[in-house]
Each structure stands twice: as structure tokens, then as C-alpha cells.
Amino acid sequence: MKKTTNKIALVGAGAVGTSFLYWAMSKGIAEEYVIIDINKDAAKGQELDFEDASPSAAYPYMVKSGGYELLNDADLLVITAGRPQKPGETRLEMVADNAKIMKNIALEIKKTNFDGITLIASNPVDVMTTVYQFVTKFDAKKVISSSCTLDTNRLKIEFAKIFDVNAKDLNMFVLGEHGDSSVSTIENATLNGIPLKDFYLKKNIDAKKRAEIHKNVYMKAYEIINRKRATFYGIGAVLAEISQAILRDEKKIFATGSLLNGEYGERGIYAGVPSIIGRKGILKTHQFPLAREELMQFKKSVTILKETTKKALEAIK
């Protein structure tokens, strides 16, 4: 009998994963959800808590917790498992611990009949996604990193405040690493097709101001972690938005992580680049036009990701 409902599986029942589930359930993205976590009691507790919410939900859903066998008929797998980022710690400093966790998860998933799309948010996210794809050997188009989608939201928020516009109407991306070496593509940004740089002089947005804006973007996570120990609502919302684009075949463009295959002259590593996302995963990647300095920064970011991935693969030998 043909399956007519959507099923999302979550591996990692912490704050990021459960924030994602809350957003997804609120949007009615799927009809069935499963929660998998090394802490089975915590996963069961989350199941029961979400179950209590279901009668009040705008969209009906079922939720259960258990083992990896629940993945067999899942359409989408979202992985948020890993140890949390400590105050003052960069995402790249988490690499060895989380690479080992990701390898174990990937090996468990390979034992199942899972044939859906995988969306990963475990940090350092592009490195962990490369590890996952390396271990599973799944089709790279069906393995997606959340990468710079949250960073892109943060960049849009900065400019939305400056220009007093809706952040959704801004066309700009953060590319490269989801982290300190990321690149804000400000030079060719537009507001619904109108070049923003035409207005930079009026708003005193010179090189110094652009650097300040970018610093606000990549330092925002540290500020949140220092104040409340973790970030989860923003990334939860982003994961839900990407998930919706996948399961509803929306063909929307996000700064997700794709396995580079010549984009901007780079290949063999996951990094944040604009990609069209739909039911089959990554449908196409785009080369958003970069200024010369932005391209140099992107290549530097990719080099850092490659070096860190090498450490991650060493850690899982």
C-alpha cells in the first residue's frame, strides 16, 4: 500500500531538536514524527510531552520514540545530536567529539532501510555532514547541511533594521563555514531586485560598517550562548523551513551546505552555498555573484573547513 503521509525522524532530543519539532508540528509539515536519542528516557519524555500537546495543535500528528528501526519508512531525517557548544568555544573546536558521535549515528542509519533525505545541524555542521556522507556513502544530493541558513537570517535581520524593511524581502546570503570564517555577501545584495549598494552611501554603510555588520552576524551565537547557554529557537525555525521546502517540494533557495563540485572553484567538501531545495534534496546549487574580496574570503573559509574535516576523519579512524 502506498504511503500517503509524511514522516520525519529526529536523531537528538536536545534543545535544538525539540525546538525544530515544535516548529515543524506548528506548521503541519508532517503527520508522523519519531524521536531517537541515546538517552531513551529523555526521548520517551519528549514523546509524552509532545503527545500532550497534540489535541491543541492546529494540525494533527502522531509522535513516538524508539530505536533506529523507526527510520525505515521516514521521508526526512533530521540530525541534531552532538555535545553542546561551550561558552567561548568555537564550533570547529568541537570537531573530534562530534565526529565520533556522527560516525556512530551514520553506522546505525546504514543498518536500516532509510532512503529519504538527511538534514544535519550538528556542529561543526558542514564538517559533520561531510563525515556523515563519507561514512554512509549516501547520494550527496540527499544529504544536506543546515550550514549558513541561520547566519543568512542574521544578516538579513541586520539590514532589515538599517533599511526598515521586511527581512524576507532581502536577497543576500552568508556563505562558507557556519562559523567565524563565514562570508557575508553584501556587495551584490538586493531588496526585491533593487541593488542595495545604491543606498549604502545614504546609510553610511562603508567598508568599516560592513565589517561591523558581518561581525555582528558571526558573533551573535556567542552572545546568545554567553547569555542563555545555548541557541535553539532560531536554528529550530530554520530547520523547519528547510524541511517544509523538502517535503512540499517548494524549490526554495537556502544557503544550505552542499558537497561542492566546482562551485567557486572548490570541490570535495560541504560548505554553505545557495541551493534550490525540494523533494529530491539539493536540486541545484547557484553561484551567487561575489565581489573579489568576498570570493577570496570564501576560498579561505573552505580551506579552513577542509583542514578541520581532515582532523574529523582522523578522529574516526
Protein backbone atom coordinates (compact mmCIF):
# COMPACT_ATOMS: atom_id res chain seq x y z
CA MET A 1 0.00 0.00 0.00
CA LYS A 2 1.39 3.39 -0.99
CA LYS A 3 2.28 5.70 1.90
CA THR A 4 0.33 8.96 1.70
CA THR A 5 1.63 10.80 4.77
CA ASN A 6 4.95 12.44 5.58
CA LYS A 7 7.16 11.11 8.34
CA ILE A 8 10.03 13.00 9.96
CA ALA A 9 12.62 11.29 12.15
CA LEU A 10 14.77 13.23 14.61
CA VAL A 11 18.08 11.97 16.00
CA GLY A 12 18.99 14.07 19.01
CA ALA A 13 16.27 15.02 21.50
CA GLY A 14 18.02 18.06 22.97
CA ALA A 15 17.02 21.72 22.81
CA VAL A 16 17.79 22.18 19.09
CA GLY A 17 16.00 19.01 18.02
CA THR A 18 12.90 19.57 20.10
CA SER A 19 12.71 23.25 19.06
CA PHE A 20 12.73 22.01 15.47
CA LEU A 21 9.93 19.54 16.22
CA TYR A 22 7.85 22.26 17.85
CA TRP A 23 8.18 24.46 14.77
CA ALA A 24 7.50 21.56 12.39
CA MET A 25 4.41 20.44 14.28
CA SER A 26 3.13 24.03 14.46
CA LYS A 27 3.48 24.32 10.68
CA GLY A 28 1.87 20.93 10.00
CA ILE A 29 4.84 19.80 7.95
CA ALA A 30 4.36 16.09 8.65
CA GLU A 31 1.74 13.77 10.10
CA GLU A 32 4.15 11.46 11.91
CA TYR A 33 7.27 12.17 13.97
CA VAL A 34 9.76 9.83 15.61
CA ILE A 35 12.39 10.72 18.20
CA ILE A 36 15.64 8.79 18.56
CA ASP A 37 18.22 9.57 21.24
CA ILE A 38 20.96 7.73 23.10
CA ASN A 39 19.08 8.74 26.27
CA LYS A 40 15.94 6.68 25.75
CA ASP A 41 14.24 8.06 28.87
CA ALA A 42 14.69 11.62 27.62
CA ALA A 43 13.35 10.65 24.19
CA LYS A 44 10.33 8.98 25.79
CA GLY A 45 9.75 12.05 27.94
CA GLN A 46 9.78 14.26 24.85
CA GLU A 47 7.36 11.89 23.13
CA LEU A 48 4.90 12.10 26.01
CA ASP A 49 5.22 15.88 26.24
CA PHE A 50 4.56 16.37 22.52
CA GLU A 51 1.72 13.87 22.75
CA ASP A 52 0.08 16.05 25.41
CA ALA A 53 0.22 19.00 23.02
CA SER A 54 -1.37 17.16 20.08
CA PRO A 55 -5.07 17.75 20.94
CA SER A 56 -4.40 21.51 20.99
CA ALA A 57 -2.39 21.53 17.76
CA ALA A 58 -3.72 23.19 14.60
CA TYR A 59 -2.59 20.17 12.57
CA PRO A 60 -2.96 16.52 13.69
CA TYR A 61 0.18 14.46 14.23
CA MET A 62 1.43 11.29 15.87
CA VAL A 63 4.71 11.04 17.74
CA LYS A 64 6.70 8.10 19.08
CA SER A 65 10.20 7.41 20.34
CA GLY A 66 12.39 4.38 19.93
CA GLY A 67 15.31 2.92 18.03
CA TYR A 68 16.74 3.34 14.56
CA GLU A 69 14.30 0.80 13.12
CA LEU A 70 11.75 3.64 13.13
CA LEU A 71 13.69 5.19 10.24
CA ASN A 72 12.68 2.55 7.71
CA ASP A 73 9.81 4.48 6.12
CA ALA A 74 10.84 8.02 7.11
CA ASP A 75 10.82 10.66 4.38
CA LEU A 76 13.17 13.04 6.16
CA LEU A 77 15.81 12.50 8.83
CA VAL A 78 17.00 15.49 10.86
CA ILE A 79 20.17 15.02 12.93
CA THR A 80 20.91 17.45 15.75
CA ALA A 81 22.80 15.08 18.05
CA GLY A 82 26.17 16.06 19.49
CA ARG A 83 27.60 17.71 22.51
CA PRO A 84 26.63 21.37 23.01
CA GLN A 85 28.93 24.29 22.29
CA LYS A 86 30.57 25.64 25.45
CA PRO A 87 30.77 29.36 26.24
CA GLY A 88 33.75 30.83 24.37
CA GLU A 89 34.27 27.69 22.30
CA THR A 90 34.22 27.85 18.51
CA ARG A 91 32.21 25.32 16.53
CA LEU A 92 35.41 23.96 14.98
CA GLU A 93 36.81 23.13 18.44
CA MET A 94 34.03 20.55 18.87
CA VAL A 95 35.20 18.53 15.90
CA ALA A 96 36.75 15.33 17.36
CA ASP A 97 33.99 14.61 19.90
CA ASN A 98 31.14 15.21 17.50
CA ALA A 99 32.84 13.38 14.61
CA LYS A 100 32.86 10.19 16.71
CA ILE A 101 29.20 10.71 17.61
CA MET A 102 28.30 11.32 13.96
CA LYS A 103 30.16 8.21 12.80
CA ASN A 104 28.22 6.04 15.25
CA ILE A 105 24.91 7.58 14.13
CA ALA A 106 25.81 7.10 10.45
CA LEU A 107 26.68 3.43 11.01
CA GLU A 108 23.36 2.81 12.78
CA ILE A 109 21.45 4.50 9.96
CA LYS A 110 23.25 2.40 7.35
CA LYS A 111 21.82 -0.73 9.03
CA THR A 112 18.26 0.42 8.31
CA ASN A 113 16.27 0.72 5.09
CA PHE A 114 16.22 4.52 5.26
CA ASP A 115 16.14 6.03 1.79
CA GLY A 116 14.97 9.59 2.45
CA ILE A 117 16.62 12.98 2.75
CA THR A 118 19.04 13.72 5.60
CA LEU A 119 19.27 17.25 7.04
CA ILE A 120 22.09 17.82 9.54
CA ALA A 121 22.53 20.59 12.12
CA SER A 122 25.18 19.04 14.40
CA ASN A 123 28.22 21.31 14.79
CA PRO A 124 30.60 21.99 13.20
CA VAL A 125 27.80 21.36 10.75
CA ASP A 126 29.50 21.23 7.34
CA VAL A 127 32.31 19.09 8.71
CA MET A 128 29.82 16.72 10.38
CA THR A 129 27.79 16.50 7.17
CA THR A 130 30.93 15.59 5.23
CA VAL A 131 31.69 12.89 7.84
CA TYR A 132 28.13 11.54 7.60
CA GLN A 133 28.18 11.37 3.81
CA PHE A 134 31.67 9.81 3.88
CA VAL A 135 30.53 7.05 6.25
CA THR A 136 27.10 6.34 4.73
CA LYS A 137 28.06 6.88 1.06
CA PHE A 138 24.52 8.21 0.56
CA ASP A 139 23.78 10.28 -2.55
CA ALA A 140 25.24 13.72 -1.75
CA LYS A 141 22.14 15.40 -3.22
CA LYS A 142 20.09 13.74 -0.47
CA VAL A 143 22.45 14.80 2.34
CA ILE A 144 22.06 18.47 3.33
CA SER A 145 23.81 20.64 5.91
CA SER A 146 21.86 23.47 7.54
CA SER A 147 25.15 25.39 7.12
CA CYS A 148 24.70 29.15 6.72
CA THR A 149 20.90 29.34 6.67
CA LEU A 150 20.74 30.71 10.21
CA ASP A 151 23.66 33.07 9.53
CA THR A 152 21.80 34.33 6.47
CA ASN A 153 18.76 35.10 8.62
CA ARG A 154 21.01 37.02 10.99
CA LEU A 155 22.49 39.03 8.11
CA LYS A 156 19.03 39.87 6.80
CA ILE A 157 17.95 40.99 10.26
CA GLU A 158 20.90 43.40 10.45
CA PHE A 159 20.00 45.02 7.14
CA ALA A 160 16.26 44.95 7.82
CA LYS A 161 16.90 47.11 10.89
CA ILE A 162 19.07 49.54 8.92
CA PHE A 163 16.66 49.94 5.99
CA ASP A 164 13.44 49.43 7.97
CA VAL A 165 12.18 46.70 5.63
CA ASN A 166 10.93 43.13 5.90
CA ALA A 167 13.92 40.78 6.26
CA LYS A 168 12.22 38.32 3.89
CA ASP A 169 12.49 40.82 1.04
CA LEU A 170 16.28 40.98 1.26
CA ASN A 171 18.27 38.85 -1.18
CA MET A 172 21.65 38.14 0.38
CA PHE A 173 23.50 35.14 1.74
CA VAL A 174 26.15 34.17 4.22
CA LEU A 175 28.39 31.56 2.59
CA GLY A 176 31.21 29.20 3.55
CA GLU A 177 31.52 27.96 7.12
CA HIS A 178 28.70 28.24 9.63
CA GLY A 179 31.10 29.97 11.97
CA ASP A 180 33.87 32.51 12.35
CA SER A 181 35.22 32.29 8.78
CA SER A 182 31.82 32.79 7.14
CA VAL A 183 31.36 35.35 4.36
CA SER A 184 28.54 37.92 4.25
CA THR A 185 27.75 38.60 0.57
CA ILE A 186 26.89 42.26 0.96
CA GLU A 187 28.29 43.75 -2.25
CA ASN A 188 25.63 42.30 -4.59
CA ALA A 189 22.71 42.18 -2.13
CA THR A 190 19.31 43.34 -3.31
CA LEU A 191 15.94 44.35 -1.91
CA ASN A 192 13.46 42.53 -4.15
CA GLY A 193 15.83 43.03 -7.06
CA ILE A 194 16.86 46.61 -6.21
CA PRO A 195 20.64 46.76 -5.64
CA LEU A 196 21.24 47.72 -2.01
CA LYS A 197 24.63 49.27 -2.70
CA ASP A 198 22.79 52.12 -4.43
CA PHE A 199 21.64 53.14 -0.94
CA TYR A 200 24.80 52.39 1.07
CA LEU A 201 26.06 55.97 0.90
CA LYS A 202 22.76 57.32 2.23
CA LYS A 203 23.02 54.99 5.22
CA ASN A 204 26.77 55.49 5.70
CA ILE A 205 27.45 51.82 5.01
CA ASP A 206 31.15 51.96 4.18
CA ALA A 207 33.72 49.16 4.43
CA LYS A 208 34.08 49.65 8.18
CA LYS A 209 30.31 49.46 8.70
CA ARG A 210 30.03 46.34 6.52
CA ALA A 211 32.76 44.66 8.59
CA GLU A 212 30.88 45.60 11.76
CA ILE A 213 27.66 44.13 10.38
CA HIS A 214 29.40 40.88 9.49
CA LYS A 215 30.96 40.67 12.95
CA ASN A 216 27.51 41.08 14.49
CA VAL A 217 26.35 38.15 12.37
CA TYR A 218 29.03 35.63 13.28
CA MET A 219 29.33 36.76 16.91
CA LYS A 220 25.59 36.56 17.59
CA ALA A 221 25.74 32.88 18.53
CA TYR A 222 28.44 33.59 21.12
CA GLU A 223 26.34 36.36 22.62
CA ILE A 224 23.31 34.08 22.91
CA ILE A 225 25.37 31.23 24.39
CA ASN A 226 27.01 33.55 26.92
CA ARG A 227 23.59 34.86 27.98
CA LYS A 228 21.47 31.67 27.98
CA ARG A 229 23.99 28.84 27.39
CA ALA A 230 22.62 27.66 24.03
CA THR A 231 20.94 28.71 20.79
CA PHE A 232 17.95 26.68 19.65
CA TYR A 233 14.85 28.66 18.61
CA GLY A 234 16.50 30.28 15.59
CA ILE A 235 18.03 27.07 14.25
CA GLY A 236 14.84 25.17 15.06
CA ALA A 237 12.86 27.58 12.88
CA VAL A 238 15.41 27.33 10.05
CA LEU A 239 15.36 23.51 10.12
CA ALA A 240 11.56 23.56 9.94
CA GLU A 241 11.64 25.94 6.97
CA ILE A 242 14.10 23.73 5.07
CA SER A 243 12.10 20.61 6.00
CA GLN A 244 8.93 22.19 4.65
CA ALA A 245 10.70 23.05 1.40
CA ILE A 246 11.79 19.42 1.08
CA LEU A 247 8.52 17.67 1.91
CA ARG A 248 6.34 20.12 -0.02
CA ASP A 249 8.78 20.31 -2.94
CA GLU A 250 8.85 24.11 -2.70
CA LYS A 251 12.11 24.52 -4.64
CA LYS A 252 13.23 27.39 -2.41
CA ILE A 253 16.78 28.73 -2.25
CA PHE A 254 18.69 28.46 1.03
CA ALA A 255 22.36 28.91 1.98
CA THR A 256 22.49 25.23 2.89
CA GLY A 257 25.61 23.10 2.84
CA SER A 258 26.16 21.18 -0.40
CA LEU A 259 29.03 18.92 -1.37
CA LEU A 260 30.93 21.33 -3.60
CA ASN A 261 31.54 20.16 -7.15
CA GLY A 262 33.32 23.08 -8.77
CA GLU A 263 31.27 25.94 -7.33
CA TYR A 264 33.59 28.95 -6.92
CA GLY A 265 36.42 26.63 -7.96
CA GLU A 266 36.08 24.34 -4.92
CA ARG A 267 35.08 20.68 -4.56
CA GLY A 268 35.02 17.68 -2.22
CA ILE A 269 33.74 19.44 0.92
CA TYR A 270 30.39 20.60 2.28
CA ALA A 271 30.10 24.38 2.58
CA GLY A 272 27.30 26.92 2.59
CA VAL A 273 26.26 27.92 -0.93
CA PRO A 274 22.86 28.97 -2.33
CA SER A 275 20.97 25.82 -3.32
CA ILE A 276 17.48 25.02 -4.58
CA ILE A 277 15.88 22.58 -2.15
CA GLY A 278 12.96 20.27 -2.99
CA ARG A 279 11.54 16.80 -2.54
CA LYS A 280 14.62 15.14 -4.02
CA GLY A 281 17.00 17.13 -1.83
CA ILE A 282 19.51 19.51 -3.39
CA LEU A 283 18.14 20.17 -6.87
CA LYS A 284 20.78 22.68 -7.95
CA THR A 285 23.46 24.93 -6.48
CA HIS A 286 23.88 28.55 -7.57
CA GLN A 287 26.95 30.75 -7.75
CA PHE A 288 25.64 33.94 -6.19
CA PRO A 289 27.83 36.74 -7.64
CA LEU A 290 30.66 37.57 -5.25
CA ALA A 291 32.93 40.58 -5.14
CA ARG A 292 36.63 39.75 -5.46
CA GLU A 293 37.25 40.16 -1.73
CA GLU A 294 34.21 38.03 -0.87
CA LEU A 295 35.43 35.26 -3.18
CA MET A 296 38.85 35.30 -1.51
CA GLN A 297 37.17 35.08 1.90
CA PHE A 298 35.01 32.18 0.69
CA LYS A 299 38.05 30.26 -0.51
CA LYS A 300 39.76 30.88 2.85
CA SER A 301 36.67 29.60 4.64
CA VAL A 302 36.61 26.45 2.50
CA THR A 303 40.31 25.87 3.23
CA ILE A 304 39.55 26.02 6.97
CA LEU A 305 36.68 23.56 6.50
CA LYS A 306 38.95 21.18 4.59
CA GLU A 307 41.62 21.32 7.29
CA THR A 308 39.04 20.69 10.01
CA THR A 309 37.41 17.86 8.07
CA LYS A 310 40.82 16.20 7.80
CA LYS A 311 41.01 16.28 11.63
CA ALA A 312 37.49 14.88 11.90
CA LEU A 313 38.27 11.98 9.58
CA GLU A 314 41.45 11.29 11.55
CA ALA A 315 39.41 11.17 14.75
CA ILE A 316 37.05 8.46 13.42
CA LYS A 317 39.69 6.09 12.02
